[in-house]
Amino acid sequence: MHRIWPALTGAENEERLYYRHPSADVELAFHPTDFTQVNAEINRKMVPLALDLLDISPDDTVLDLFCGLGNFTIPAAKRAGKVVGVEVSKAMVERGYENARRNGLENLEFHAWDLSQDVAGQSWANRKYDRILIDPPRTGALEMVKLMPRFGAKRIVYVSCNPATLARDAGELTALGYRLKAAGVMDMFPHTTHVESIAVFEKK
């Protein structure tokens, strides 16, 4: 698959498409085969909503799990002191660093790791975080949710495309001492049976 429009000319001669988050004044580049959110209009509303719910301060360190090419990570870096993104795809990690450079941001780091596997020995997994954002695939994030106490975050925002696995993981979070503070849905996938959900958890 190759980009054919807009034409690759002059300074724009790169095999990348891009989209913007006006609320954060950032631009994210992607390759046509990269995963991106399908509904650009809802995505532009969802990202600032999630970051508002995280209630990030300039001194906070944020962990973004299942971060992809940086859809939440890059905008979060405009608010936080440090943002760490973790994603299984090495190509997406490379894209994350590309987007950090594209936006002149240096307070980010990205790591490639399968988050369904043991995180022992991973440097990012042995740190404390103030805020955590989770945006997993439809299978959810049960393995990572079980590890939340080790990170010490006071607030977690969970974005989900599958309410069933969100409900399962929410049960685990409450068992671990987190309280569900708010939840809602977004019509990310019009004319389908799917919805995008978002939930906020706080440490009791």
Foldseek 3Di string as FASTA:
>chain_A
DFDPPPHCDDPNNDRWDWDDQVVQGFIAIDHPPFDDQPFRVVLSVVLVVLLVLQVAAQAFEEEEEQQFLNSNPQSNLSGYVAYEYEHQDPVSQVSNVVRCVVGVHDRYHYYHDDLVDDCPPPPVLQEAGQEYEYEDAQQERQSVLLSVVNNPHFKYKYKYFHVVNVVVSVVVNVVVQKDWDDKDWDPSDPPDPIIIMMTMIGGD
